[in-house]
Amino acid sequence: MLIVIVVALLSTACGTKNDNKLDYHVILDTDQTAEDREFRTIGSNRIAALNKAIKEKNLTTEAQIMQEYSPEDKDPGSEYLYVLRKKINLDPSNITISLLEDQSQSPAIRAKRVIMDLVKTPQNTFRVTKIKESYQCRLNRGQQEWSAEYCI
């Protein structure tokens, strides 16, 4: 595509007549970043439901909150991974936890990443502010690279 554009530009710049009536334009979708293609943002209704569960069940740790959102498989295979990481931002009341779940029991999803942003309140409770997910599908069930697209 780039070669065609360069040739078209050189033809025009050299003063040669270009009878090819195709108009080449490069259109960049600047509204979608690489992160947007890789992660799906979870809707506010699901976040509100999770925040309600945090209060009702008195969930007091980041691990409990992630388990409530994305429970660990109870009967995993030998290669199953459920790994949580915690990142404290410059403001210690803002916390990011991430989950990597690999080789789950799902017939379609091989691996899932979840990134969850939390705020720790002055009362030492948590409130989820944002959740993003990314998926790798099993063979013949969708994309093999990390993507926001659901597996089929």
Protein backbone atom coordinates (compact mmCIF):
# COMPACT_ATOMS: atom_id res chain seq x y z
CA MET A 1 0.00 0.00 0.00
CA LEU A 2 2.83 2.35 0.91
CA ILE A 3 4.56 1.67 -2.43
CA VAL A 4 1.38 2.49 -4.33
CA ILE A 5 1.03 5.79 -2.45
CA VAL A 6 4.67 6.70 -3.07
CA VAL A 7 4.35 5.85 -6.79
CA ALA A 8 1.16 7.91 -7.01
CA LEU A 9 2.85 10.86 -5.31
CA LEU A 10 5.95 10.60 -7.53
CA SER A 11 3.80 10.45 -10.64
CA THR A 12 2.00 13.60 -9.62
CA ALA A 13 5.18 15.38 -8.56
CA CYS A 14 6.98 14.56 -11.82
CA GLY A 15 4.20 16.03 -13.88
CA THR A 16 3.26 12.78 -15.57
CA LYS A 17 -0.33 12.17 -16.34
CA ASN A 18 -1.88 9.58 -14.07
CA ASP A 19 -4.93 8.08 -15.76
CA ASN A 20 -5.53 5.87 -12.74
CA LYS A 21 -8.60 7.47 -11.18
CA LEU A 22 -8.12 5.77 -7.81
CA ASP A 23 -7.78 8.22 -4.95
CA TYR A 24 -5.46 6.90 -2.23
CA HIS A 25 -6.02 8.16 1.30
CA VAL A 26 -4.54 6.90 4.50
CA ILE A 27 -7.16 7.04 7.22
CA LEU A 28 -5.96 6.50 10.76
CA ASP A 29 -8.45 5.62 13.45
CA THR A 30 -6.99 7.83 16.15
CA ASP A 31 -9.86 7.11 18.53
CA GLN A 32 -8.70 3.50 19.00
CA THR A 33 -5.34 2.87 20.65
CA ALA A 34 -3.38 -0.37 20.77
CA GLU A 35 -4.66 -0.80 24.32
CA ASP A 36 -8.25 -0.42 23.08
CA ARG A 37 -7.68 -3.27 20.63
CA GLU A 38 -6.11 -5.42 23.32
CA PHE A 39 -8.45 -4.71 26.26
CA ARG A 40 -12.21 -4.57 26.61
CA THR A 41 -13.51 -2.11 29.20
CA ILE A 42 -16.15 -3.59 31.48
CA GLY A 43 -19.41 -1.65 31.73
CA SER A 44 -20.51 0.44 34.68
CA ASN A 45 -23.42 -1.90 35.56
CA ARG A 46 -21.08 -4.81 36.18
CA ILE A 47 -18.72 -2.59 38.20
CA ALA A 48 -21.66 -1.30 40.27
CA ALA A 49 -22.73 -4.90 40.96
CA LEU A 50 -19.19 -5.76 42.09
CA ASN A 51 -19.04 -2.70 44.35
CA LYS A 52 -22.37 -3.75 45.87
CA ALA A 53 -20.99 -7.27 46.51
CA ILE A 54 -17.89 -5.77 48.15
CA LYS A 55 -20.11 -4.00 50.67
CA GLU A 56 -22.61 -6.82 51.21
CA LYS A 57 -19.97 -9.54 51.62
CA ASN A 58 -17.56 -7.28 53.50
CA LEU A 59 -14.67 -8.05 51.13
CA THR A 60 -11.59 -6.47 52.68
CA THR A 61 -8.66 -7.53 50.48
CA GLU A 62 -7.79 -7.06 46.85
CA ALA A 63 -7.56 -10.83 46.40
CA GLN A 64 -11.08 -11.35 47.74
CA ILE A 65 -12.39 -8.70 45.34
CA MET A 66 -10.69 -10.30 42.33
CA GLN A 67 -11.97 -13.73 43.41
CA GLU A 68 -15.49 -12.28 43.56
CA TYR A 69 -15.12 -10.84 40.06
CA SER A 70 -13.24 -13.69 38.40
CA PRO A 71 -13.21 -16.80 40.62
CA GLU A 72 -10.31 -19.21 40.50
CA ASP A 73 -11.14 -22.60 38.96
CA LYS A 74 -11.94 -25.08 41.74
CA ASP A 75 -10.89 -28.16 39.75
CA PRO A 76 -8.01 -26.94 37.60
CA GLY A 77 -5.75 -28.94 35.35
CA SER A 78 -2.07 -29.38 36.12
CA GLU A 79 -1.02 -26.44 33.90
CA TYR A 80 -3.58 -23.98 35.34
CA LEU A 81 -2.29 -20.60 36.55
CA TYR A 82 -4.12 -17.94 38.58
CA VAL A 83 -1.65 -15.16 39.31
CA LEU A 84 -2.48 -11.87 41.02
CA ARG A 85 -0.20 -8.83 41.10
CA LYS A 86 -0.70 -5.61 43.00
CA LYS A 87 0.61 -2.19 41.96
CA ILE A 88 0.35 0.79 44.28
CA ASN A 89 0.32 4.04 42.35
CA LEU A 90 1.86 7.34 43.45
CA ASP A 91 -1.27 7.94 45.50
CA PRO A 92 -1.37 4.89 47.83
CA SER A 93 -5.17 5.00 47.92
CA ASN A 94 -5.21 4.14 44.19
CA ILE A 95 -4.38 0.50 43.63
CA THR A 96 -4.21 -1.58 40.46
CA ILE A 97 -4.45 -5.33 40.62
CA SER A 98 -3.96 -7.61 37.66
CA LEU A 99 -4.90 -11.22 37.13
CA LEU A 100 -3.40 -13.65 34.67
CA GLU A 101 -5.45 -16.80 34.33
CA ASP A 102 -4.00 -19.40 31.97
CA GLN A 103 -5.23 -22.84 30.91
CA SER A 104 -8.70 -22.30 32.40
CA GLN A 105 -11.49 -24.86 32.14
CA SER A 106 -13.29 -22.72 29.54
CA PRO A 107 -13.72 -24.53 26.22
CA ALA A 108 -13.07 -21.30 24.28
CA ILE A 109 -10.74 -19.11 26.39
CA ARG A 110 -7.16 -20.32 26.85
CA ALA A 111 -6.04 -17.31 28.89
CA LYS A 112 -7.52 -14.15 30.35
CA ARG A 113 -5.99 -10.97 31.76
CA VAL A 114 -7.95 -8.68 34.05
CA ILE A 115 -6.75 -5.25 35.15
CA MET A 116 -8.77 -3.72 37.96
CA ASP A 117 -8.39 -0.22 39.41
CA LEU A 118 -9.48 0.26 43.01
CA VAL A 119 -9.70 3.16 45.41
CA LYS A 120 -9.12 2.55 49.10
CA THR A 121 -11.44 4.80 51.07
CA PRO A 122 -10.60 6.50 54.39
CA GLN A 123 -12.80 3.84 56.05
CA ASN A 124 -10.39 1.15 54.69
CA THR A 125 -12.93 -0.23 52.25
CA PHE A 126 -12.44 -0.63 48.53
CA ARG A 127 -14.35 0.70 45.53
CA VAL A 128 -13.68 -0.57 42.02
CA THR A 129 -13.39 2.24 39.47
CA LYS A 130 -12.36 0.44 36.27
CA ILE A 131 -11.94 -3.08 34.91
CA LYS A 132 -10.38 -4.17 31.61
CA GLU A 133 -10.11 -7.69 30.17
CA SER A 134 -8.10 -9.28 27.40
CA TYR A 135 -8.36 -12.81 26.00
CA GLN A 136 -6.37 -15.47 24.18
CA CYS A 137 -8.52 -18.13 22.57
CA ARG A 138 -8.01 -21.85 22.18
CA LEU A 139 -7.09 -23.15 18.77
CA ASN A 140 -9.95 -22.72 16.26
CA ARG A 141 -11.94 -20.64 18.79
CA GLY A 142 -10.72 -17.17 17.81
CA GLN A 143 -7.58 -15.06 17.99
CA GLN A 144 -4.38 -16.50 19.41
CA GLU A 145 -2.92 -13.13 20.43
CA TRP A 146 -4.16 -10.98 23.31
CA SER A 147 -7.29 -9.16 22.20
CA ALA A 148 -10.46 -7.47 23.44
CA GLU A 149 -12.46 -9.79 21.17
CA TYR A 150 -14.45 -12.58 22.79
CA CYS A 151 -13.56 -16.16 21.96
CA ILE A 152 -16.16 -18.22 20.12
